[in-house]
Each structure stands twice: as structure tokens, then as C-alpha cells.
């Protein structure tokens, strides 16, 4: 196995992996941003249901870093979707870039 396959096998409780395998893996953090995040959360809701919750809200970090400074309403929609998901999922951190200094702007109690 390649080094990547060994790492993924270890963190998915598999003894061996091959290219193309679908696995569930334990991750330290899951990061997404304003380009991929809205679609990913859309698939999550479609596959697991409207009320499904992420496995650990403290391990999901959202970083809107592509569309945050634009005035394009379609691009701003992506950031709005991420804000909505952050609230719905009670995610502990959505990093907002303000003057290029990251700040954890969303905190909620479980």
C-alpha cells in the first residue's frame, strides 16, 4: 500500500485499502470553505436527512475565504449558506476573515 493508503487504512479500522475504495474514517478536523461547503452540506442533507447532525460539531471548521470580499450576490449566497449551516449544526467555528485576521466568530452551546 502507498503511504496515503496506510494512513487512511489505520484511521478507518481497515487492514488494507485499494484505490477506489469507499471508507469511513476518523478525522481530527474537517475543514471546508465557501466554494465546496454549500454543495457538500447539500449532499449531506440529501443523503442523511434534513435533521441529520454532523458527528462532532467541534471538529468541523468552515473557512469562507474565496467569496467573502465580493459584491456578487450569487457568491455571497454561498457564505450565507455556510452561516446558516453553522447555526443549524451548532458548529463551534466559522472563521471569518476580517482585515486578513482570522477570528472564530460563531460559538454555541450544545
Protein backbone atom coordinates (compact mmCIF):
# COMPACT_ATOMS: atom_id res chain seq x y z
CA UNK A 1 0.00 0.00 0.00
CA UNK A 2 1.05 3.59 -0.52
CA UNK A 3 1.71 5.84 2.47
CA UNK A 4 -1.66 7.54 1.94
CA UNK A 5 -3.45 4.18 1.83
CA UNK A 6 -1.72 3.12 5.04
CA UNK A 7 -2.78 6.32 6.84
CA UNK A 8 -6.37 6.01 5.61
CA UNK A 9 -6.48 2.30 6.49
CA UNK A 10 -5.26 2.99 10.02
CA UNK A 11 -7.84 5.73 10.60
CA UNK A 12 -10.70 3.72 9.12
CA UNK A 13 -10.04 0.48 11.01
CA UNK A 14 -9.16 -1.36 7.81
CA UNK A 15 -6.15 -3.61 7.43
CA UNK A 16 -5.82 -2.97 3.70
CA UNK A 17 -7.15 -0.45 1.17
CA UNK A 18 -7.15 -0.28 -2.58
CA UNK A 19 -7.70 2.65 -4.93
CA UNK A 20 -11.40 3.36 -5.41
CA UNK A 21 -12.44 2.03 -2.00
CA UNK A 22 -15.11 3.96 -0.10
CA UNK A 23 -14.34 4.26 3.59
CA UNK A 24 -15.49 5.98 6.77
CA UNK A 25 -12.54 7.47 8.56
CA UNK A 26 -11.90 9.14 11.89
CA UNK A 27 -10.53 12.65 11.37
CA UNK A 28 -9.10 15.22 13.76
CA UNK A 29 -10.74 18.14 11.95
CA UNK A 30 -12.90 18.59 8.89
CA UNK A 31 -12.37 21.86 7.04
CA UNK A 32 -14.47 23.23 4.23
CA UNK A 33 -14.81 26.59 2.54
CA UNK A 34 -17.24 28.76 0.63
CA UNK A 35 -16.72 27.04 -2.73
CA UNK A 36 -17.21 23.38 -1.76
CA UNK A 37 -19.03 23.71 1.56
CA UNK A 38 -22.57 24.56 0.39
CA UNK A 39 -22.67 21.65 -2.08
CA UNK A 40 -21.16 19.28 0.45
CA UNK A 41 -23.72 20.18 3.08
CA UNK A 42 -26.45 19.84 0.42
CA UNK A 43 -25.33 16.27 -0.28
CA UNK A 44 -25.09 15.61 3.47
CA UNK A 45 -28.72 16.70 3.93
CA UNK A 46 -29.89 14.72 0.89
CA UNK A 47 -28.14 11.52 1.96
CA UNK A 48 -28.74 11.66 5.72
CA UNK A 49 -31.95 13.72 6.03
CA UNK A 50 -32.85 17.30 6.87
CA UNK A 51 -32.41 16.81 10.63
CA UNK A 52 -29.09 14.94 10.45
CA UNK A 53 -26.28 16.32 12.59
CA UNK A 54 -22.54 16.21 11.96
CA UNK A 55 -20.69 13.67 14.08
CA UNK A 56 -18.86 16.24 16.21
CA UNK A 57 -19.58 19.99 15.85
CA UNK A 58 -16.23 20.85 17.45
CA UNK A 59 -14.35 19.09 14.65
CA UNK A 60 -15.95 20.94 11.73
CA UNK A 61 -14.35 24.24 10.73
CA UNK A 62 -15.73 26.45 7.97
CA UNK A 63 -13.46 28.99 6.32
CA UNK A 64 -15.11 31.36 3.82
CA UNK A 65 -12.02 32.59 2.01
CA UNK A 66 -12.93 32.81 -1.68
CA UNK A 67 -16.14 34.83 -1.93
CA UNK A 68 -16.01 36.83 1.28
CA UNK A 69 -14.89 40.10 -0.30
CA UNK A 70 -17.11 40.10 -3.39
CA UNK A 71 -20.30 42.02 -4.03
CA UNK A 72 -21.63 39.28 -6.33
CA UNK A 73 -24.97 38.13 -4.84
CA UNK A 74 -24.50 34.53 -6.06
CA UNK A 75 -21.11 34.32 -4.41
CA UNK A 76 -22.45 35.91 -1.24
CA UNK A 77 -25.18 33.25 -1.23
CA UNK A 78 -22.51 30.61 -0.59
CA UNK A 79 -21.30 32.46 2.51
CA UNK A 80 -24.91 32.89 3.67
CA UNK A 81 -25.50 29.13 3.28
CA UNK A 82 -22.41 28.42 5.40
CA UNK A 83 -23.62 30.81 8.10
CA UNK A 84 -26.98 29.03 8.11
CA UNK A 85 -25.36 25.58 8.31
CA UNK A 86 -23.07 26.78 11.11
CA UNK A 87 -26.12 27.86 13.12
CA UNK A 88 -28.23 24.77 12.29
CA UNK A 89 -25.42 22.35 13.10
CA UNK A 90 -24.25 24.36 16.13
CA UNK A 91 -20.74 24.27 14.73
CA UNK A 92 -18.15 25.71 17.03
CA UNK A 93 -16.14 27.61 14.48
CA UNK A 94 -16.71 29.56 11.31
CA UNK A 95 -13.55 31.54 10.65
CA UNK A 96 -14.31 34.90 9.13
CA UNK A 97 -11.52 36.85 7.52
CA UNK A 98 -11.67 40.49 8.54
CA UNK A 99 -8.68 42.58 7.51
CA UNK A 100 -7.00 39.23 6.83
CA UNK A 101 -7.05 38.27 10.53
CA UNK A 102 -8.98 35.03 11.18
CA UNK A 103 -11.49 35.23 14.02
CA UNK A 104 -13.66 32.45 15.30
CA UNK A 105 -16.97 34.26 15.03
CA UNK A 106 -19.54 31.57 15.88
CA UNK A 107 -19.77 29.80 19.20
CA UNK A 108 -22.80 27.99 20.52
CA UNK A 109 -23.65 25.81 23.44
CA UNK A 110 -24.72 22.22 22.67
